[in-house]
Protein backbone atom coordinates (compact mmCIF):
# COMPACT_ATOMS: atom_id res chain seq x y z
CA UNK A 1 98.33 88.52 112.11
CA UNK A 2 97.94 89.47 108.26
CA UNK A 3 99.44 92.66 107.29
CA UNK A 4 98.39 94.20 104.01
CA UNK A 5 101.05 96.47 102.29
CA UNK A 6 100.00 98.71 99.56
CA UNK A 7 102.39 100.26 97.01
CA UNK A 8 100.89 102.40 94.29
CA UNK A 9 103.02 103.90 91.59
CA UNK A 10 103.07 105.61 88.17
CA UNK A 11 106.21 105.77 85.90
CA UNK A 12 108.63 104.83 88.68
CA UNK A 13 111.15 102.67 86.72
CA UNK A 14 114.00 104.16 88.67
CA UNK A 15 112.69 103.34 92.15
CA UNK A 16 110.01 100.58 92.09
CA UNK A 17 112.21 97.58 92.27
CA UNK A 18 113.89 99.00 95.50
CA UNK A 19 110.59 99.48 97.21
CA UNK A 20 109.47 95.97 96.08
CA UNK A 21 112.44 94.33 97.36
CA UNK A 22 112.26 96.17 100.57
CA UNK A 23 108.77 94.50 101.25
CA UNK A 24 109.86 91.06 100.03
CA UNK A 25 112.97 91.28 102.42
CA UNK A 26 110.79 91.63 105.63
CA UNK A 27 111.30 88.89 107.99
CA UNK A 28 107.69 88.63 108.75
CA UNK A 29 106.03 85.88 106.91
CA UNK A 30 102.22 86.76 106.77
CA UNK A 31 102.30 89.90 104.36
CA UNK A 32 99.62 90.41 101.64
CA UNK A 33 101.60 92.81 99.15
CA UNK A 34 99.41 94.61 96.80
CA UNK A 35 100.67 96.87 93.91
CA UNK A 36 98.45 99.27 92.11
CA UNK A 37 100.00 100.86 89.08
CA UNK A 38 98.32 103.62 87.04
CA UNK A 39 98.97 102.30 83.74
CA UNK A 40 102.55 103.35 83.56
CA UNK A 41 104.11 104.11 80.17
CA UNK A 42 107.76 103.54 81.13
CA UNK A 43 109.01 100.23 82.19
CA UNK A 44 107.43 100.12 85.57
CA UNK A 45 104.98 97.45 84.67
CA UNK A 46 107.74 95.19 83.11
CA UNK A 47 109.63 95.58 86.50
CA UNK A 48 106.59 94.74 88.63
CA UNK A 49 105.66 91.82 86.57
CA UNK A 50 109.18 90.34 87.04
CA UNK A 51 108.17 89.98 90.59
CA UNK A 52 104.76 88.50 89.92
CA UNK A 53 105.26 85.34 91.85
CA UNK A 54 105.92 87.15 94.99
CA UNK A 55 103.07 89.59 94.74
CA UNK A 56 99.86 88.82 96.19
CA UNK A 57 97.58 91.30 94.03
CA UNK A 58 98.55 93.51 91.28
CA UNK A 59 96.36 96.00 89.17
CA UNK A 60 97.42 98.05 86.51
CA UNK A 61 94.90 100.52 85.08
CA UNK A 62 94.35 104.21 84.58
CA UNK A 63 93.15 106.22 88.01
CA UNK A 64 92.47 109.64 89.34
CA UNK A 65 95.75 109.96 90.94
CA UNK A 66 97.81 108.64 94.01
CA UNK A 67 94.85 108.70 96.52
CA UNK A 68 92.53 107.13 94.17
CA UNK A 69 94.96 104.15 93.62
CA UNK A 70 95.55 103.93 97.39
CA UNK A 71 91.70 103.54 97.79
CA UNK A 72 91.66 100.59 95.20
CA UNK A 73 94.33 98.95 97.26
CA UNK A 74 92.43 99.37 100.51
CA UNK A 75 89.13 98.12 98.76
CA UNK A 76 90.86 94.70 98.08
CA UNK A 77 93.21 94.44 101.07
CA UNK A 78 92.37 91.47 103.45
CA UNK A 79 94.80 91.93 106.26
CA UNK A 80 93.95 92.81 109.80
CA UNK A 81 96.34 95.65 109.51
CA UNK A 82 96.98 97.90 106.59
CA UNK A 83 100.28 99.91 105.73
CA UNK A 84 101.52 101.82 102.84
CA UNK A 85 105.00 101.59 101.08
CA UNK A 86 105.36 104.33 98.54
CA UNK A 87 107.04 103.53 95.43
CA UNK A 88 109.91 105.94 96.20
CA UNK A 89 110.46 104.62 99.64
CA UNK A 90 112.00 101.59 101.45
CA UNK A 91 111.63 100.01 104.81
CA UNK A 92 114.29 101.26 107.27
CA UNK A 93 115.20 97.54 107.72
CA UNK A 94 113.98 93.98 107.44
CA UNK A 95 112.32 93.67 110.78
CA UNK A 96 109.98 96.77 110.53
CA UNK A 97 106.87 94.77 110.08
CA UNK A 98 107.80 92.29 112.69
CA UNK A 99 108.16 95.16 115.35
CA UNK A 100 104.79 96.65 114.26
CA UNK A 101 103.04 93.37 114.57
CA UNK A 102 104.61 92.86 118.08
CA UNK A 103 103.50 96.28 119.06
CA UNK A 104 99.80 95.57 118.04
CA UNK A 105 100.04 92.26 119.97
CA UNK A 106 101.23 93.88 123.05
CA UNK A 107 98.35 96.56 122.88
CA UNK A 108 95.62 94.44 121.38
CA UNK A 109 93.05 97.36 122.09
CA UNK A 110 94.96 100.03 120.12
CA UNK A 111 93.62 101.13 116.57
CA UNK A 112 96.71 102.29 114.97
CA UNK A 113 100.59 102.23 115.37
CA UNK A 114 103.03 104.94 114.12
CA UNK A 115 106.83 105.47 114.06
CA UNK A 116 109.83 107.40 112.92
CA UNK A 117 111.28 108.02 109.47
CA UNK A 118 114.00 109.57 107.61
CA UNK A 119 114.10 111.50 104.22
CA UNK A 120 116.94 110.74 101.90
CA UNK A 121 118.23 112.48 98.85
CA UNK A 122 117.26 110.99 95.51
CA UNK A 123 120.68 110.16 94.45
CA UNK A 124 123.05 107.23 94.79
CA UNK A 125 124.52 108.72 97.95
CA UNK A 126 121.11 108.61 99.87
CA UNK A 127 122.18 111.30 102.35
CA UNK A 128 119.74 111.91 105.19
CA UNK A 129 118.39 115.45 104.85
CA UNK A 130 115.38 115.22 107.40
CA UNK A 131 114.94 113.30 110.59
CA UNK A 132 111.35 112.73 111.53
CA UNK A 133 110.98 111.47 115.04
CA UNK A 134 107.21 110.98 115.87
CA UNK A 135 107.40 111.57 119.56
CA UNK A 136 104.51 110.32 121.96
CA UNK A 137 101.01 111.10 120.81
CA UNK A 138 99.04 113.91 122.46
CA UNK A 139 95.60 114.74 121.11
CA UNK A 140 96.27 118.47 121.76
CA UNK A 141 99.23 118.41 119.49
CA UNK A 142 96.96 117.87 116.49
CA UNK A 143 95.76 121.48 116.88
CA UNK A 144 99.41 122.72 116.73
CA UNK A 145 99.94 121.03 113.26
CA UNK A 146 101.39 117.84 114.61
CA UNK A 147 100.60 114.72 112.83
CA UNK A 148 102.39 111.39 112.61
CA UNK A 149 104.44 110.48 109.46
CA UNK A 150 101.94 109.25 107.10
CA UNK A 151 103.88 106.13 105.74
CA UNK A 152 104.79 105.03 109.15
CA UNK A 153 101.18 104.82 110.39
CA UNK A 154 99.57 101.26 110.34
CA UNK A 155 95.92 100.89 110.96
CA UNK A 156 93.52 98.16 111.63
CA UNK A 157 91.45 97.45 108.47
CA UNK A 158 88.17 97.37 110.41
CA UNK A 159 88.79 101.17 111.06
CA UNK A 160 89.05 101.98 107.35
CA UNK A 161 85.69 100.20 106.66
CA UNK A 162 84.18 102.14 109.48
CA UNK A 163 85.58 105.66 108.85
CA UNK A 164 86.26 105.73 105.05
CA UNK A 165 89.32 105.94 102.84
CA UNK A 166 91.03 108.77 101.30
CA UNK A 167 89.11 112.05 100.33
CA UNK A 168 89.55 112.65 96.50
CA UNK A 169 88.67 116.39 96.76
CA UNK A 170 92.38 116.84 98.06
CA UNK A 171 94.97 116.02 95.42
CA UNK A 172 98.18 116.48 97.07
CA UNK A 173 97.56 116.41 100.84
CA UNK A 174 94.70 113.86 101.30
CA UNK A 175 96.79 111.99 103.72
CA UNK A 176 96.76 115.00 106.23
CA UNK A 177 92.74 115.08 105.85
CA UNK A 178 92.64 111.36 106.37
CA UNK A 179 94.70 111.38 109.46
CA UNK A 180 92.96 114.46 110.99
CA UNK A 181 89.62 112.63 110.28
CA UNK A 182 90.77 109.47 112.08
CA UNK A 183 92.66 111.32 115.00
CA UNK A 184 90.76 114.50 115.51
CA UNK A 185 87.39 113.66 114.43
CA UNK A 186 87.05 110.07 115.56
CA UNK A 187 89.73 110.08 118.21
CA UNK A 188 91.13 106.66 117.49
CA UNK A 189 93.50 105.08 119.91
CA UNK A 190 97.21 105.63 118.65
CA UNK A 191 100.44 104.12 119.97
CA UNK A 192 103.99 105.36 119.32
CA UNK A 193 106.51 102.92 118.27
CA UNK A 194 109.80 104.41 118.89
CA UNK A 195 111.47 102.83 115.94
CA UNK A 196 112.45 103.82 112.48
CA UNK A 197 110.01 102.61 109.98
CA UNK A 198 110.71 104.27 106.57
CA UNK A 199 113.36 105.78 104.48
CA UNK A 200 111.62 108.25 102.09
CA UNK A 201 113.14 109.79 98.91
CA UNK A 202 112.89 113.53 98.41
CA UNK A 203 111.14 114.59 95.29
CA UNK A 204 107.70 112.39 95.78
CA UNK A 205 104.41 114.11 95.49
CA UNK A 206 104.31 115.64 98.98
CA UNK A 207 108.26 116.13 99.31
CA UNK A 208 108.83 118.14 96.09
CA UNK A 209 110.12 121.58 96.72
CA UNK A 210 108.20 122.71 93.56
CA UNK A 211 105.15 121.67 94.98
CA UNK A 212 105.60 123.12 98.45
CA UNK A 213 103.13 126.04 97.91
CA UNK A 214 100.26 123.88 96.68
CA UNK A 215 100.78 121.55 99.60
CA UNK A 216 100.62 124.49 102.00
CA UNK A 217 97.49 125.83 100.31
CA UNK A 218 95.74 122.45 100.46
CA UNK A 219 96.98 121.84 104.08
CA UNK A 220 95.19 125.21 105.02
CA UNK A 221 92.11 124.16 103.32
CA UNK A 222 92.14 120.75 105.20
CA UNK A 223 92.55 122.31 108.74
CA UNK A 224 89.81 124.81 108.04
CA UNK A 225 87.63 121.66 106.94
CA UNK A 226 88.18 120.11 110.35
CA UNK A 227 87.50 123.30 112.12
CA UNK A 228 91.11 123.70 113.39
CA UNK A 229 92.69 127.15 113.41
CA UNK A 230 94.25 126.62 109.95
CA UNK A 231 96.90 129.65 110.11
CA UNK A 232 98.26 128.55 113.43
CA UNK A 233 98.36 124.84 112.52
CA UNK A 234 99.98 125.20 109.27
CA UNK A 235 102.48 127.70 110.21
CA UNK A 236 103.56 125.54 113.32
CA UNK A 237 103.72 122.50 110.98
CA UNK A 238 106.06 123.96 108.61
CA UNK A 239 108.29 125.53 111.46
CA UNK A 240 108.54 121.97 112.94
CA UNK A 241 109.38 120.66 109.42
CA UNK A 242 112.11 123.26 109.14
CA UNK A 243 113.52 122.45 112.44
CA UNK A 244 113.99 118.75 111.40
CA UNK A 245 116.10 119.80 108.38
CA UNK A 246 118.24 122.04 110.51
CA UNK A 247 118.66 119.29 112.96
CA UNK A 248 119.18 116.52 110.67
């Protein structure tokens, strides 16, 4: 089973090397690694090019933002399964992809698999500030703001070809719309892998405190877009997130 991993980035010279190495250190051999750079103006491109022999596909050109870049990666991915490795993040350990592939093989009729993740500080200490345990999937939980942690979700490529990529009308939280479209609208088969998948650095597009209000507003629009009680869903979603910080 080939797994396509997609990293998108723009001016990430401080973190891109760790993300790349995290992918290259995976013990699973059949990985197609795709990097889409938004024509960075710092040393990001130079760093990526230093790994050129180990990267399957690399594009550097201007785009319309992170989700446009992800869509470019999805369009050229050839793996049976597709996942994301954001340019601020790293895998939890070197066995993650192997565990995900094993889970797909054990449940061949599933459409997607998700797991757990932790948020770490954006400094040398890398302290854990939030523990995101996915928990078993239940369709009804979607109406209460529950969603799997986006970078832990691995989908069969055939589904993306069927149900579409990321909606560029949403600039910050299109991953929420994407997941709701697949889970709530199309009711895909989803399995929980009770393993840590990713370490996410605070300060990215969706984890920045400065953009919290913008994310809240866009989430509200997305839940309304999918005819889910938006006030209730967004409130409960943010409450769950707060409790994850408290219980870190």
